[in-house]
Protein backbone atom coordinates (compact mmCIF):
# COMPACT_ATOMS: atom_id res chain seq x y z
CA MET A 1 -2.08 -101.83 59.29
CA SER A 2 0.67 -101.02 56.75
CA ASP A 3 0.19 -99.80 53.16
CA GLU A 4 1.20 -103.16 51.72
CA THR A 5 -1.81 -104.83 53.36
CA LYS A 6 -4.19 -102.13 51.91
CA PRO A 7 -3.72 -102.13 48.14
CA GLU A 8 -7.09 -100.55 47.39
CA ALA A 9 -6.43 -97.57 49.60
CA SER A 10 -3.22 -96.80 47.75
CA GLY A 11 -5.01 -96.82 44.42
CA VAL A 12 -3.02 -99.85 43.13
CA PRO A 13 -5.14 -102.78 41.89
CA PRO A 14 -4.66 -106.04 43.91
CA THR A 15 -2.04 -108.49 42.69
CA ASP A 16 -2.71 -112.02 41.41
CA GLU A 17 -1.08 -113.58 44.54
CA ALA A 18 -3.58 -111.94 46.91
CA VAL A 19 -6.63 -113.25 45.05
CA PRO A 20 -6.17 -117.07 45.74
CA GLU A 21 -5.59 -116.51 49.46
CA ALA A 22 -8.84 -114.60 49.74
CA LYS A 23 -10.68 -117.29 47.80
CA ASP A 24 -9.32 -120.14 50.01
CA SER A 25 -10.31 -118.32 53.19
CA ALA A 26 -13.83 -117.77 51.91
CA THR A 27 -14.15 -121.44 50.88
CA THR A 28 -12.96 -122.72 54.30
CA SER A 29 -15.41 -120.50 56.15
CA GLU A 30 -18.25 -121.60 53.91
CA ALA A 31 -17.40 -125.28 54.37
CA SER A 32 -17.24 -124.93 58.15
CA ALA A 33 -20.60 -123.21 58.21
CA GLN A 34 -22.21 -125.93 56.14
CA ALA A 35 -20.67 -128.67 58.29
CA GLU A 36 -22.15 -127.17 61.35
CA ASP A 37 -25.59 -127.21 59.71
CA GLY A 38 -25.21 -130.82 58.81
CA GLN A 39 -24.98 -130.29 54.99
CA PRO A 40 -22.54 -132.23 52.84
CA VAL A 41 -19.24 -130.39 52.36
CA VAL A 42 -18.29 -132.12 49.05
CA GLU A 43 -21.17 -130.67 46.99
CA THR A 44 -20.38 -127.10 48.04
CA SER A 45 -16.75 -127.47 47.04
CA ALA A 46 -17.74 -128.73 43.55
CA LYS A 47 -19.96 -125.72 42.90
CA THR A 48 -17.22 -123.36 43.99
CA ALA A 49 -14.74 -125.00 41.63
CA GLU A 50 -17.11 -124.62 38.69
CA THR A 51 -17.60 -120.92 39.46
CA ASP A 52 -13.88 -120.33 39.68
CA ALA A 53 -13.31 -122.05 36.35
CA GLY A 54 -15.92 -119.87 34.61
CA GLU A 55 -14.50 -116.67 35.97
CA SER A 56 -10.97 -117.69 34.97
CA SER A 57 -12.10 -118.54 31.43
CA SER A 58 -13.89 -115.18 31.09
CA LYS A 59 -10.86 -113.24 32.24
CA THR A 60 -8.65 -115.15 29.87
CA ALA A 61 -10.89 -114.29 26.90
CA GLU A 62 -11.03 -110.65 27.91
CA ALA A 63 -7.27 -110.49 28.22
CA GLU A 64 -6.83 -112.11 24.83
CA GLU A 65 -9.29 -109.68 23.31
CA LYS A 66 -7.46 -106.72 24.78
CA ALA A 67 -4.17 -108.10 23.59
CA ALA A 68 -5.55 -108.51 20.09
CA GLU A 69 -6.88 -104.95 20.11
CA LEU A 70 -3.55 -103.63 21.32
CA LYS A 71 -1.73 -105.56 18.64
CA ALA A 72 -4.09 -104.30 15.95
CA ARG A 73 -3.73 -100.74 17.20
CA GLN A 74 0.03 -101.00 17.19
CA ALA A 75 -0.06 -102.32 13.64
CA ARG A 76 -2.34 -99.44 12.64
CA VAL A 77 -0.27 -96.61 14.13
CA ALA A 78 3.19 -98.09 13.61
CA PRO A 79 3.54 -96.60 10.07
CA LEU A 80 2.43 -93.25 11.43
CA TYR A 81 5.09 -93.26 14.13
CA ARG A 82 7.80 -94.31 11.68
CA ALA A 83 6.85 -91.51 9.26
CA PHE A 84 6.53 -88.95 12.06
CA ARG A 85 9.88 -89.77 13.68
CA GLY A 86 11.65 -90.00 10.32
CA LYS A 87 9.98 -86.82 9.02
CA ARG A 88 8.97 -88.64 5.88
CA GLY A 89 5.86 -88.25 3.76
CA ILE A 90 3.07 -90.79 3.86
CA ASN A 91 0.24 -91.38 1.38
CA GLY A 92 -3.29 -90.55 2.43
CA ARG A 93 -6.71 -90.36 0.83
CA VAL A 94 -9.09 -87.43 1.30
CA GLU A 95 -12.27 -89.08 2.61
CA LYS A 96 -14.52 -86.07 3.16
CA THR A 97 -14.67 -82.43 4.19
CA ILE A 98 -15.28 -81.69 7.86
CA LYS A 99 -15.34 -78.55 9.95
CA GLY A 100 -12.08 -76.69 9.46
CA GLY A 101 -10.55 -79.10 6.96
CA TYR A 102 -10.53 -82.65 5.64
CA GLU A 103 -10.65 -86.19 7.03
CA ILE A 104 -7.68 -88.15 5.69
CA ARG A 105 -7.48 -91.96 5.63
CA ILE A 106 -3.93 -93.29 6.06
CA GLY A 107 -4.10 -97.05 5.93
CA LYS A 108 -6.53 -97.95 8.70
CA ALA A 109 -5.86 -94.75 10.66
CA ARG A 110 -7.69 -91.45 10.41
CA ALA A 111 -6.05 -88.01 10.36
CA PHE A 112 -7.06 -84.36 10.05
CA CYS A 113 -5.75 -81.86 7.48
CA PRO A 114 -6.69 -78.14 7.88
CA HIS A 115 -7.95 -76.25 4.83
CA SER A 116 -4.83 -74.08 4.77
CA GLN A 117 -2.55 -77.12 4.63
CA ILE A 118 -4.05 -78.90 1.63
CA ASP A 119 -2.23 -76.70 -0.91
CA VAL A 120 0.19 -73.79 -1.15
CA GLN A 121 -2.53 -71.63 -2.66
CA ARG A 122 -6.02 -70.74 -1.54
CA VAL A 123 -8.60 -73.45 -2.29
CA ASP A 124 -11.91 -72.13 -3.61
CA ASP A 125 -13.67 -75.52 -3.96
CA PRO A 126 -12.84 -77.87 -1.04
CA GLU A 127 -15.12 -80.63 -2.36
CA SER A 128 -12.91 -81.02 -5.42
CA TRP A 129 -10.25 -82.64 -3.21
CA VAL A 130 -12.51 -85.44 -1.92
CA GLY A 131 -11.47 -88.84 -3.25
CA THR A 132 -7.94 -87.80 -4.23
CA THR A 133 -4.75 -89.34 -2.87
CA HIS A 134 -1.68 -87.28 -1.99
CA LEU A 135 1.54 -87.38 -0.05
CA PHE A 136 1.21 -85.85 3.43
CA GLN A 137 3.57 -84.98 6.24
CA ILE A 138 2.52 -85.75 9.83
CA THR A 139 2.87 -82.57 11.87
CA GLN A 140 1.20 -83.81 15.08
CA LEU A 141 0.81 -87.30 16.61
CA ARG A 142 -0.68 -87.65 20.11
CA ARG A 143 -2.84 -89.91 22.31
CA GLY A 144 -1.41 -93.10 20.92
CA GLY A 145 -2.41 -92.30 17.34
CA ASP A 146 -5.92 -91.04 18.06
CA ASP A 147 -4.91 -87.38 17.40
CA VAL A 148 -3.11 -87.09 14.04
CA VAL A 149 -2.70 -83.85 12.05
CA VAL A 150 -1.18 -83.91 8.55
CA SER A 151 -0.14 -81.31 5.96
CA ARG A 152 0.25 -81.57 2.19
CA ARG A 153 1.50 -78.00 1.99
CA ALA A 154 4.58 -78.88 4.02
CA VAL A 155 5.47 -81.56 1.44
CA LEU A 156 5.03 -79.15 -1.47
CA GLU A 157 7.07 -76.40 0.19
CA ALA A 158 9.90 -78.82 0.92
CA GLU A 159 9.92 -79.92 -2.73
CA ARG A 160 9.89 -76.31 -3.89
CA ARG A 161 12.82 -75.41 -1.67
CA GLU A 162 14.89 -78.10 -3.30
CA GLU A 163 13.79 -77.08 -6.79
CA ALA A 164 14.33 -73.39 -5.97
CA SER A 165 17.92 -74.04 -4.95
CA ALA A 166 18.51 -75.84 -8.23
CA VAL A 167 16.86 -73.07 -10.29
CA ARG A 168 18.68 -70.24 -8.53
CA ALA A 169 22.00 -71.98 -9.15
CA THR A 170 21.39 -71.63 -12.91
CA LEU A 171 20.65 -67.87 -12.85
CA ILE A 172 23.29 -65.36 -13.99
CA ASP A 173 23.26 -61.60 -14.46
CA GLY A 174 22.22 -60.50 -17.95
CA ALA A 175 20.47 -63.74 -18.85
CA VAL A 176 17.13 -63.59 -20.68
CA MET A 177 14.54 -66.20 -19.76
CA LEU A 178 10.83 -66.90 -19.65
CA GLY A 179 8.72 -66.40 -16.55
CA ARG A 180 5.14 -65.96 -15.44
CA VAL A 181 3.63 -62.98 -13.63
CA SER A 182 2.79 -64.16 -10.12
CA GLY A 183 1.68 -60.93 -8.47
CA LEU A 184 1.19 -57.17 -8.90
CA ALA A 185 2.08 -54.27 -6.63
CA LYS A 186 2.01 -50.49 -6.98
CA PHE A 187 5.77 -50.40 -7.56
CA GLY A 188 6.05 -53.30 -10.01
CA ALA A 189 5.27 -56.91 -10.89
CA PHE A 190 6.57 -60.18 -9.43
CA VAL A 191 7.62 -62.83 -11.94
CA ASP A 192 7.99 -66.53 -11.12
CA LEU A 193 11.11 -67.92 -12.81
CA GLY A 194 10.31 -71.48 -11.77
CA ALA A 195 9.97 -73.51 -8.56
CA GLY A 196 8.69 -70.45 -6.71
CA VAL A 197 11.81 -68.34 -7.41
CA ASN A 198 10.37 -64.84 -7.82
CA GLY A 199 11.98 -61.66 -9.10
CA LEU A 200 10.73 -58.07 -9.21
CA VAL A 201 10.19 -56.00 -12.35
CA HIS A 202 10.03 -52.34 -11.34
CA ILE A 203 7.28 -50.28 -12.95
CA THR A 204 9.89 -48.33 -14.95
CA GLU A 205 11.14 -51.60 -16.48
CA LEU A 206 7.75 -52.95 -17.55
CA SER A 207 7.41 -51.24 -20.91
CA HIS A 208 9.15 -48.98 -23.41
CA GLY A 209 6.16 -46.66 -23.21
CA ARG A 210 4.85 -44.61 -20.33
CA ILE A 211 2.41 -46.32 -17.95
CA ASN A 212 0.64 -45.05 -14.84
CA ARG A 213 -0.39 -48.41 -13.36
CA VAL A 214 1.23 -51.83 -13.38
CA ASP A 215 -1.91 -53.53 -14.70
CA GLN A 216 -1.64 -51.42 -17.85
CA ALA A 217 1.40 -53.48 -18.87
CA VAL A 218 0.94 -57.01 -17.44
CA HIS A 219 -1.58 -59.16 -15.58
CA VAL A 220 -1.30 -62.13 -13.23
CA GLY A 221 -0.65 -65.41 -15.02
CA GLU A 222 0.72 -63.80 -18.17
CA PRO A 223 3.91 -65.39 -19.57
CA VAL A 224 6.64 -62.79 -20.03
CA ARG A 225 10.22 -62.61 -21.25
CA VAL A 226 12.54 -60.99 -18.71
CA LYS A 227 16.17 -60.05 -18.39
CA ILE A 228 18.03 -60.58 -15.11
CA LEU A 229 19.47 -57.22 -14.10
CA LYS A 230 21.02 -58.22 -10.78
CA LEU A 231 21.12 -61.11 -8.32
CA HIS A 232 21.21 -59.86 -4.73
CA ASP A 233 22.96 -62.75 -2.98
CA ASP A 234 22.78 -61.09 0.43
CA SER A 235 18.97 -60.93 0.42
CA ASP A 236 17.96 -63.47 -2.27
CA ARG A 237 16.28 -60.66 -4.22
CA ILE A 238 16.30 -60.69 -8.03
CA SER A 239 15.89 -57.55 -10.16
CA LEU A 240 14.31 -58.14 -13.56
CA SER A 241 13.35 -56.12 -16.64
CA ILE A 242 10.74 -56.78 -19.31
CA ARG A 243 11.64 -53.63 -21.24
CA GLN A 244 15.28 -54.60 -21.76
CA ALA A 245 14.34 -58.14 -22.77
CA SER A 246 12.33 -56.91 -25.74
CA GLU A 247 13.43 -55.07 -28.87
CA ASP A 248 13.25 -51.28 -28.72
CA PRO A 249 10.27 -50.36 -30.94
CA TRP A 250 11.85 -46.98 -31.72
CA ALA A 251 14.68 -48.70 -33.57
CA SER A 252 12.42 -49.24 -36.59
CA VAL A 253 10.09 -46.25 -36.29
CA THR A 254 11.40 -44.50 -39.41
CA GLU A 255 10.73 -47.60 -41.51
CA THR A 256 7.36 -48.29 -39.93
CA TYR A 257 5.86 -44.78 -39.86
CA GLU A 258 6.48 -42.59 -42.89
CA VAL A 259 5.77 -38.88 -42.93
CA GLY A 260 2.42 -38.32 -44.58
CA GLY A 261 1.23 -41.86 -43.96
CA VAL A 262 -2.03 -42.66 -42.18
CA TYR A 263 -1.97 -45.22 -39.34
CA ALA A 264 -4.35 -46.44 -36.66
CA GLY A 265 -3.72 -45.24 -33.12
CA LYS A 266 -5.33 -45.38 -29.70
CA VAL A 267 -5.95 -42.28 -27.58
CA LEU A 268 -4.07 -42.68 -24.30
CA ARG A 269 -4.81 -39.39 -22.55
CA LEU A 270 -5.77 -35.79 -23.25
CA ALA A 271 -3.94 -32.65 -22.18
CA ASP A 272 -4.55 -28.94 -22.77
CA PHE A 273 -1.93 -28.83 -25.50
CA GLY A 274 -2.89 -32.02 -27.36
CA ALA A 275 -3.66 -35.74 -27.33
CA PHE A 276 -1.21 -38.56 -26.65
CA ILE A 277 -1.64 -41.40 -29.13
CA GLU A 278 -0.25 -44.96 -28.95
CA LEU A 279 0.63 -46.11 -32.46
CA SER A 280 2.04 -49.44 -31.23
CA PRO A 281 3.25 -50.84 -27.90
CA GLY A 282 6.10 -48.60 -26.79
CA VAL A 283 5.59 -45.98 -29.55
CA GLU A 284 3.74 -42.94 -28.29
CA ALA A 285 3.04 -39.83 -30.36
CA LEU A 286 1.51 -36.40 -29.81
CA ALA A 287 -1.28 -34.80 -31.79
CA PRO A 288 -1.00 -31.08 -30.92
CA ALA A 289 -4.22 -29.21 -30.36
CA SER A 290 -3.22 -26.78 -33.12
CA GLU A 291 -3.32 -29.62 -35.67
CA PHE A 292 -7.01 -30.40 -35.16
CA PRO A 293 -9.56 -28.79 -37.49
CA PRO A 294 -11.39 -25.99 -35.69
CA ALA A 295 -14.71 -27.01 -34.15
CA LEU A 296 -17.29 -25.14 -32.11
CA ALA A 297 -17.15 -27.78 -29.35
CA GLY A 298 -13.35 -27.61 -29.21
CA TRP A 299 -10.61 -29.83 -30.53
CA LYS A 300 -11.33 -32.52 -27.89
CA ASP A 301 -14.79 -33.17 -29.29
CA GLY A 302 -15.12 -36.88 -30.09
CA LEU A 303 -11.86 -37.89 -28.39
CA THR A 304 -12.00 -40.23 -25.41
CA PRO A 305 -9.15 -42.22 -23.83
CA GLY A 306 -9.15 -45.73 -25.26
CA SER A 307 -10.82 -44.81 -28.55
CA GLU A 308 -9.09 -45.65 -31.83
CA GLN A 309 -9.02 -43.72 -35.10
CA SER A 310 -6.75 -42.87 -38.03
CA TRP A 311 -3.83 -40.45 -37.67
CA ARG A 312 -1.54 -38.83 -40.22
CA VAL A 313 2.18 -38.56 -39.43
CA LEU A 314 3.51 -35.01 -39.72
CA LYS A 315 7.02 -35.36 -38.29
CA VAL A 316 9.28 -38.10 -36.87
CA ASP A 317 12.21 -37.31 -34.56
CA THR A 318 13.91 -40.56 -33.52
CA GLU A 319 16.64 -38.87 -31.46
CA ARG A 320 14.12 -37.17 -29.20
CA ARG A 321 11.62 -40.04 -29.57
CA ARG A 322 8.85 -37.78 -30.78
CA ILE A 323 6.21 -38.15 -33.47
CA SER A 324 3.74 -35.40 -34.42
CA LEU A 325 0.31 -36.38 -35.68
CA THR A 326 -2.84 -34.86 -37.04
CA PRO A 327 -6.26 -36.47 -37.52
CA GLY A 328 -6.08 -38.66 -40.61
CA GLY A 329 -9.68 -38.34 -41.70
CA ASP A 330 -11.77 -40.92 -43.48
CA GLY A 331 -10.24 -40.69 -46.95
CA ALA A 332 -7.21 -39.44 -48.82
CA VAL A 333 -6.31 -35.80 -48.27
CA ALA A 334 -5.63 -33.65 -51.30
CA PRO A 335 -2.06 -32.33 -51.41
CA LEU A 336 -1.71 -28.81 -50.10
CA PRO A 337 -0.42 -26.12 -52.48
CA GLU A 338 3.03 -24.65 -52.10
CA LEU A 339 3.10 -21.67 -49.79
CA ALA A 340 4.47 -18.45 -51.23
CA PRO A 341 3.61 -14.76 -50.96
CA GLY A 342 0.48 -14.05 -52.96
CA VAL A 343 -0.97 -17.58 -52.83
CA GLU A 344 -4.67 -17.54 -51.97
CA LEU A 345 -6.08 -20.25 -49.67
CA ASN A 346 -9.26 -21.17 -47.88
CA GLY A 347 -8.97 -21.83 -44.14
CA LYS A 348 -10.94 -22.06 -40.93
CA VAL A 349 -10.75 -19.75 -37.96
CA GLN A 350 -8.98 -21.63 -35.18
CA ARG A 351 -8.77 -19.06 -32.39
CA ILE A 352 -8.77 -15.35 -31.68
CA GLU A 353 -5.97 -13.52 -29.87
CA PRO A 354 -5.62 -9.83 -28.99
CA PHE A 355 -3.04 -9.43 -31.77
CA GLY A 356 -4.85 -11.28 -34.53
CA VAL A 357 -6.66 -14.35 -35.86
CA PHE A 358 -5.12 -17.84 -36.22
CA VAL A 359 -6.33 -19.63 -39.34
CA TRP A 360 -6.09 -23.39 -39.85
CA LEU A 361 -4.99 -24.06 -43.44
CA GLY A 362 -4.65 -27.84 -43.26
CA PRO A 363 -2.65 -30.57 -41.49
CA GLY A 364 0.51 -29.01 -40.18
CA ARG A 365 -0.36 -25.52 -41.43
CA VAL A 366 -1.62 -22.72 -39.19
CA GLY A 367 -1.11 -19.06 -40.08
CA LEU A 368 -1.59 -15.76 -38.26
CA MET A 369 -3.67 -12.96 -39.69
CA PRO A 370 -2.68 -9.82 -37.75
CA ASN A 371 -5.38 -7.33 -36.78
CA ILE A 372 -4.21 -4.83 -39.36
CA LEU A 373 -4.56 -7.42 -42.14
CA THR A 374 -8.07 -8.60 -41.23
CA GLY A 375 -9.68 -5.95 -43.47
CA THR A 376 -11.58 -4.51 -40.52
CA PRO A 377 -11.33 -1.02 -39.07
CA PRO A 378 -9.48 -0.56 -35.76
CA GLY A 379 -11.55 -1.50 -32.69
CA THR A 380 -13.59 -4.20 -34.47
CA ASP A 381 -14.72 -7.13 -32.31
CA LEU A 382 -12.87 -9.92 -34.08
CA GLU A 383 -14.67 -12.68 -32.17
CA ARG A 384 -17.96 -11.57 -33.65
CA HIS A 385 -16.50 -10.86 -37.07
CA PHE A 386 -14.58 -14.18 -37.26
CA PRO A 387 -16.49 -16.90 -35.36
CA ILE A 388 -14.57 -20.07 -34.50
CA ALA A 389 -14.63 -22.78 -37.22
CA THR A 390 -15.96 -20.44 -39.91
CA GLU A 391 -14.28 -20.47 -43.30
CA VAL A 392 -12.27 -17.49 -44.44
CA ASP A 393 -10.42 -16.72 -47.66
CA VAL A 394 -6.88 -15.58 -46.98
CA GLU A 395 -3.74 -14.65 -48.85
CA VAL A 396 -0.19 -15.54 -47.89
CA VAL A 397 1.79 -12.39 -47.10
CA GLY A 398 5.05 -14.03 -46.13
CA ILE A 399 6.86 -16.90 -44.38
CA ASP A 400 9.72 -16.23 -41.96
CA ASP A 401 12.83 -18.33 -41.34
CA ARG A 402 11.07 -20.28 -38.60
CA GLY A 403 8.26 -21.36 -40.93
CA ARG A 404 5.66 -19.04 -39.42
CA ILE A 405 2.99 -18.06 -41.92
CA ARG A 406 1.72 -14.48 -42.11
CA LEU A 407 -1.73 -14.11 -43.68
CA ALA A 408 -4.07 -11.38 -44.78
CA LYS A 409 -7.74 -11.52 -45.54
CA LYS A 410 -8.28 -11.82 -49.25
CA GLY A 411 -8.20 -8.30 -50.75
CA ALA A 412 -7.00 -6.68 -47.55
CA ALA A 413 -3.34 -6.84 -48.58
CA ARG A 414 -3.99 -4.57 -51.61
CA GLN A 415 -5.38 -1.91 -49.29
CA THR A 416 -2.16 -1.88 -47.33
CA GLY A 417 1.49 -1.43 -48.09
CA ARG A 418 4.10 -4.07 -48.19
CA ASN A 419 4.61 -3.55 -44.50
CA GLY A 420 0.88 -4.07 -43.82
CA GLU A 421 0.03 -0.38 -43.18
CA SER A 422 -3.32 0.88 -44.53
CA ASP A 423 -3.71 4.02 -46.64
CA SER A 424 -5.76 5.80 -43.97
CA ALA A 425 -3.05 5.08 -41.43
CA ARG A 426 -0.45 6.60 -43.72
CA ARG A 427 -2.59 9.72 -44.18
CA GLU A 428 -3.02 10.16 -40.47
CA ARG A 429 0.66 9.62 -39.75
CA PRO A 430 2.34 12.97 -38.82
CA ARG A 431 4.85 14.21 -41.34
CA ARG A 432 8.42 14.52 -40.33
CA ARG A 433 10.53 17.54 -41.42
CA ALA A 434 13.51 16.77 -43.51
CA PRO A 435 16.76 17.74 -41.79
CA ARG A 436 18.29 21.00 -42.99
CA ALA A 437 21.21 20.74 -45.31
CA GLU A 438 24.39 22.17 -43.92
CA ARG A 439 25.51 25.45 -45.49
CA PRO A 440 28.73 25.28 -47.38
CA PRO A 441 31.52 27.09 -45.62
CA GLN A 442 31.96 30.73 -46.85
CA THR A 443 35.10 31.63 -48.62
CA PRO A 444 36.92 34.33 -46.66
CA ILE A 445 37.45 37.63 -48.57
CA SER A 446 40.98 38.86 -48.61
CA ASP A 447 41.92 42.48 -47.77
CA SER A 448 42.96 43.08 -51.34
CA THR A 449 39.58 42.30 -52.63
CA GLU A 450 37.39 45.33 -52.92
CA GLY A 451 33.85 45.15 -51.85
CA PHE A 452 30.97 46.93 -50.29
CA GLY A 453 32.31 46.50 -46.82
CA SER A 454 35.63 48.08 -47.60
CA LEU A 455 34.03 51.10 -49.33
CA LEU A 456 31.76 51.68 -46.35
CA ALA A 457 34.72 51.62 -44.05
CA ASP A 458 36.56 54.18 -46.12
CA LYS A 459 33.59 56.55 -46.10
CA LEU A 460 33.26 56.34 -42.34
CA LYS A 461 36.92 57.18 -41.94
CA ASP A 462 36.56 60.25 -44.17
CA ALA A 463 33.46 61.48 -42.33
CA LEU A 464 35.10 61.20 -38.97
CA GLY A 465 38.33 62.51 -40.36
């Protein structure tokens, strides 16, 4: 038997033409069998007709139902196919959160949106999106519309690309504009200029002052004013500067900070030679260790980075961008007397060196009292005789061209000479012999001049004669 006569074996459902022939054959056989038994043939045929009519009606209803379902399904997925093929966005409503993402209702169809595709940024509260309606892009459509995956992030990124192109077209070198810090790195800060167009501010361009970390100057989300240094067209990079977009604070330092004035400042860091103080953003000054009043615990006692206190300005050098400070104290400081030889002062021992004692006389004034002017005999232990931070009465001996102050303990200068040498030292100093005066040249005696020598010569001649 050929394949055409065996439709079930080939896996193809039987056609509509084969069904009536099979039914007629079965009816004829049944009628013959009943005739042989003597039963009426007409009644059997009527029952068969009723059965065939019922089956036909049932199949017709089932076919109509399937056709209606197919039509409804086509109407449901048709908008999805049009949006998918045209790569257009389509509105959808977030119904609920499910494993891995969200269930989205688009018309009468259901779709799935992963967590990472609901926004361009990380979502901390997924439930906050439930019940909201957004524009989505269909990224996957399979199984006749039963498998639909959508993305809102793709829509946002496409919009940003268009906006970014428009924003970048308006940028020019040297322009100053507003931006917002979008990220931090060890080497600088990223600033969003709008529509996701980001530029980089190198750490050296963040501030007029010195900073060690980027977060010391800016933080994420902070609005900043930047200057466009360069547009790198080959790589779409943008170099920015916050420092050059702001006024140089050193331009008005001389008007803002007067010598002798007291101003508030914050301790930035401590070094062996002094403390770095921030008077204002971008204006950094140094308080040398020598300008602090002597203390047993050291000059760093009470100073911690980040603490604020009053500082007195000693010197301002705008060309070198340097300001010297000294602790300002709680109240007004009495004016210091003029320094001149013979002026007596009261100071505090600051430190001891092998060659003498440094005495702190006041803000900006430190003098040296040499060993020989301490009023102590040679070999005295100066550290025991002059403890740190103790008061001592001194007398100004002199001031050199470099402003260095030479001191003597009060009363010790009278026991020494003008050169600082004590009387006992002068007594013990070996005496030097004065150089002999040269003898005047002798006047030669002529032969005609008579003298003792000539008489003696004459006598010798006569005796030998």
